[in-house]
Every structure is written in C-alpha cells, then in structure tokens.
Amino acid sequence: MKTISVNVPETFVKGLEDLVQKGMYANRSEAIRVAIRDLLKRELYETEVSYNSVRDKNEKYVKEEIVTI
C-alpha cells in the first residue's frame, strides 16, 4: 500500500473518529479506504457500465438501421 497525505476539514476527522469509536471501522485509515473504494466504484465503474450499456444500445440501433436501408 502507498501512503498519501490529504488535508481535510476538522469535522471530517471528527466524523472518522466517531466511526472508529462506534466500532464501525478499526481505524481512520480503514474508513478512508472504504470511502475511496466506494467513490471509485460509483464514479468510474458504474459510470463505465452505464456508458457501455448506452453504447451497446446505440450500436444495435445503428446495425438495425443499416439492415433496413
């Protein structure tokens, strides 16, 4: 794993500490890793799947148009 430094507002740090205190995460690093994983999943992978779905439908439409011409 790589170590990175990030500046975050104090309220974020407090929120992370609360999550750790509640036993939801072992430490702040784990909570941050989960947050980053979920962000990447949502922003990169789900968007890519959605984009591919639209592209596949468009390609099918174009193929059908070519056949009917």
N, C-alpha and C. Protein backbone atom coordinates (compact mmCIF):
# COMPACT_ATOMS: atom_id res chain seq x y z
N MET A 1 0.83 -1.18 0.00
CA MET A 1 0.00 0.00 0.00
C MET A 1 0.88 1.24 0.00
N LYS A 2 0.33 2.29 -0.60
CA LYS A 2 1.02 3.57 -0.61
C LYS A 2 0.42 4.47 0.45
N THR A 3 1.24 5.35 0.96
CA THR A 3 0.78 6.35 1.92
C THR A 3 0.64 7.68 1.19
N ILE A 4 -0.50 8.35 1.40
CA ILE A 4 -0.71 9.67 0.83
C ILE A 4 -1.12 10.62 1.95
N SER A 5 -0.86 11.88 1.74
CA SER A 5 -1.28 12.90 2.71
C SER A 5 -2.44 13.68 2.12
N VAL A 6 -3.45 13.91 2.92
CA VAL A 6 -4.62 14.64 2.46
C VAL A 6 -5.02 15.64 3.53
N ASN A 7 -5.30 16.86 3.13
CA ASN A 7 -5.80 17.87 4.05
C ASN A 7 -7.32 17.81 4.04
N VAL A 8 -7.91 17.61 5.21
CA VAL A 8 -9.37 17.55 5.32
C VAL A 8 -9.82 18.46 6.46
N PRO A 9 -11.06 18.92 6.38
CA PRO A 9 -11.57 19.75 7.47
C PRO A 9 -11.62 18.98 8.79
N GLU A 10 -11.51 19.69 9.87
CA GLU A 10 -11.55 19.08 11.21
C GLU A 10 -12.83 18.27 11.42
N THR A 11 -13.93 18.73 10.85
CA THR A 11 -15.19 17.99 11.03
C THR A 11 -15.13 16.60 10.39
N PHE A 12 -14.37 16.47 9.29
CA PHE A 12 -14.21 15.15 8.69
C PHE A 12 -13.44 14.23 9.61
N VAL A 13 -12.37 14.77 10.21
CA VAL A 13 -11.55 13.97 11.13
C VAL A 13 -12.41 13.54 12.32
N LYS A 14 -13.22 14.46 12.85
CA LYS A 14 -14.11 14.14 13.96
C LYS A 14 -15.09 13.04 13.56
N GLY A 15 -15.65 13.15 12.38
CA GLY A 15 -16.56 12.12 11.89
C GLY A 15 -15.89 10.76 11.76
N LEU A 16 -14.66 10.75 11.26
CA LEU A 16 -13.91 9.50 11.17
C LEU A 16 -13.66 8.90 12.55
N GLU A 17 -13.28 9.76 13.49
CA GLU A 17 -13.06 9.30 14.86
C GLU A 17 -14.34 8.72 15.46
N ASP A 18 -15.48 9.35 15.18
CA ASP A 18 -16.75 8.83 15.67
C ASP A 18 -17.03 7.43 15.11
N LEU A 19 -16.76 7.24 13.82
CA LEU A 19 -16.97 5.92 13.21
C LEU A 19 -16.08 4.86 13.86
N VAL A 20 -14.85 5.23 14.15
CA VAL A 20 -13.92 4.30 14.80
C VAL A 20 -14.39 4.01 16.23
N GLN A 21 -14.78 5.05 16.95
CA GLN A 21 -15.25 4.87 18.34
C GLN A 21 -16.48 3.97 18.41
N LYS A 22 -17.35 4.07 17.40
CA LYS A 22 -18.56 3.24 17.36
C LYS A 22 -18.25 1.80 16.94
N GLY A 23 -17.00 1.55 16.57
CA GLY A 23 -16.59 0.20 16.19
C GLY A 23 -16.93 -0.16 14.75
N MET A 24 -17.30 0.83 13.97
CA MET A 24 -17.67 0.56 12.58
C MET A 24 -16.43 0.29 11.72
N TYR A 25 -15.31 0.86 12.11
CA TYR A 25 -14.04 0.66 11.41
C TYR A 25 -12.95 0.50 12.45
N ALA A 26 -11.91 -0.24 12.09
CA ALA A 26 -10.81 -0.47 13.02
C ALA A 26 -10.01 0.80 13.28
N ASN A 27 -9.91 1.66 12.25
CA ASN A 27 -9.15 2.91 12.37
C ASN A 27 -9.56 3.87 11.25
N ARG A 28 -9.03 5.07 11.31
CA ARG A 28 -9.38 6.07 10.31
C ARG A 28 -8.95 5.66 8.91
N SER A 29 -7.79 5.03 8.82
CA SER A 29 -7.30 4.61 7.50
C SER A 29 -8.26 3.64 6.83
N GLU A 30 -8.79 2.71 7.60
CA GLU A 30 -9.73 1.74 7.03
C GLU A 30 -10.99 2.46 6.53
N ALA A 31 -11.51 3.39 7.32
CA ALA A 31 -12.71 4.14 6.92
C ALA A 31 -12.44 4.93 5.64
N ILE A 32 -11.29 5.54 5.54
CA ILE A 32 -10.94 6.32 4.36
C ILE A 32 -10.79 5.41 3.15
N ARG A 33 -10.16 4.24 3.31
CA ARG A 33 -10.02 3.29 2.20
C ARG A 33 -11.39 2.86 1.68
N VAL A 34 -12.31 2.58 2.59
CA VAL A 34 -13.67 2.17 2.18
C VAL A 34 -14.35 3.32 1.43
N ALA A 35 -14.20 4.54 1.92
CA ALA A 35 -14.81 5.70 1.27
C ALA A 35 -14.24 5.89 -0.14
N ILE A 36 -12.94 5.75 -0.28
CA ILE A 36 -12.31 5.91 -1.59
C ILE A 36 -12.74 4.78 -2.52
N ARG A 37 -12.79 3.56 -2.02
CA ARG A 37 -13.23 2.42 -2.82
C ARG A 37 -14.65 2.66 -3.35
N ASP A 38 -15.54 3.09 -2.47
CA ASP A 38 -16.92 3.33 -2.87
C ASP A 38 -17.03 4.46 -3.88
N LEU A 39 -16.23 5.51 -3.70
CA LEU A 39 -16.21 6.62 -4.65
C LEU A 39 -15.76 6.14 -6.03
N LEU A 40 -14.66 5.40 -6.07
CA LEU A 40 -14.14 4.91 -7.35
C LEU A 40 -15.14 3.97 -8.02
N LYS A 41 -15.73 3.11 -7.23
CA LYS A 41 -16.73 2.19 -7.76
C LYS A 41 -17.88 2.97 -8.40
N ARG A 42 -18.40 3.95 -7.69
CA ARG A 42 -19.53 4.74 -8.18
C ARG A 42 -19.15 5.60 -9.38
N GLU A 43 -18.05 6.31 -9.28
CA GLU A 43 -17.69 7.30 -10.31
C GLU A 43 -17.02 6.69 -11.54
N LEU A 44 -16.27 5.63 -11.36
CA LEU A 44 -15.57 5.05 -12.51
C LEU A 44 -16.26 3.82 -13.06
N TYR A 45 -16.55 2.86 -12.22
CA TYR A 45 -17.02 1.58 -12.71
C TYR A 45 -18.50 1.57 -13.03
N GLU A 46 -19.35 2.15 -12.20
CA GLU A 46 -20.79 2.18 -12.50
C GLU A 46 -21.05 3.10 -13.68
N THR A 47 -20.33 4.20 -13.79
CA THR A 47 -20.48 5.10 -14.92
C THR A 47 -20.04 4.41 -16.19
N GLU A 48 -18.97 3.63 -16.12
CA GLU A 48 -18.47 2.91 -17.28
C GLU A 48 -19.49 1.88 -17.74
N VAL A 49 -20.08 1.15 -16.79
CA VAL A 49 -21.08 0.15 -17.14
C VAL A 49 -22.28 0.84 -17.79
N SER A 50 -22.73 1.95 -17.21
CA SER A 50 -23.85 2.69 -17.76
C SER A 50 -23.51 3.19 -19.16
N TYR A 51 -22.33 3.71 -19.35
CA TYR A 51 -21.90 4.21 -20.65
C TYR A 51 -21.88 3.08 -21.66
N ASN A 52 -21.34 1.91 -21.26
CA ASN A 52 -21.28 0.77 -22.17
C ASN A 52 -22.68 0.30 -22.54
N SER A 53 -23.61 0.34 -21.63
CA SER A 53 -25.00 -0.03 -21.90
C SER A 53 -25.59 0.85 -22.98
N VAL A 54 -25.42 2.15 -22.84
CA VAL A 54 -25.95 3.09 -23.82
C VAL A 54 -25.26 2.87 -25.16
N ARG A 55 -23.96 2.69 -25.13
CA ARG A 55 -23.20 2.48 -26.37
C ARG A 55 -23.68 1.22 -27.07
N ASP A 56 -23.88 0.12 -26.32
CA ASP A 56 -24.36 -1.13 -26.90
C ASP A 56 -25.72 -0.94 -27.54
N LYS A 57 -26.62 -0.22 -26.88
CA LYS A 57 -27.95 0.03 -27.44
C LYS A 57 -27.84 0.85 -28.71
N ASN A 58 -26.96 1.85 -28.72
CA ASN A 58 -26.78 2.68 -29.90
C ASN A 58 -26.21 1.88 -31.06
N GLU A 59 -25.26 0.99 -30.77
CA GLU A 59 -24.67 0.16 -31.82
C GLU A 59 -25.74 -0.76 -32.40
N LYS A 60 -26.60 -1.32 -31.55
CA LYS A 60 -27.67 -2.19 -32.02
C LYS A 60 -28.61 -1.40 -32.91
N TYR A 61 -28.95 -0.18 -32.51
CA TYR A 61 -29.84 0.67 -33.29
C TYR A 61 -29.21 0.95 -34.66
N VAL A 62 -27.95 1.28 -34.67
CA VAL A 62 -27.27 1.58 -35.93
C VAL A 62 -27.26 0.35 -36.81
N LYS A 63 -26.98 -0.83 -36.26
CA LYS A 63 -26.97 -2.07 -37.05
C LYS A 63 -28.35 -2.34 -37.63
N GLU A 64 -29.41 -2.11 -36.85
CA GLU A 64 -30.77 -2.33 -37.34
C GLU A 64 -31.09 -1.36 -38.46
N GLU A 65 -30.63 -0.11 -38.35
CA GLU A 65 -30.86 0.88 -39.38
C GLU A 65 -30.18 0.47 -40.69
N ILE A 66 -28.99 -0.05 -40.59
CA ILE A 66 -28.24 -0.46 -41.79
C ILE A 66 -28.97 -1.60 -42.48
N VAL A 67 -29.48 -2.54 -41.71
CA VAL A 67 -30.17 -3.70 -42.27
C VAL A 67 -31.45 -3.27 -42.99
N THR A 68 -32.17 -2.28 -42.45
CA THR A 68 -33.44 -1.88 -43.04
C THR A 68 -33.30 -0.96 -44.25
N ILE A 69 -32.12 -0.43 -44.48
CA ILE A 69 -31.94 0.53 -45.59
C ILE A 69 -31.88 -0.19 -46.91
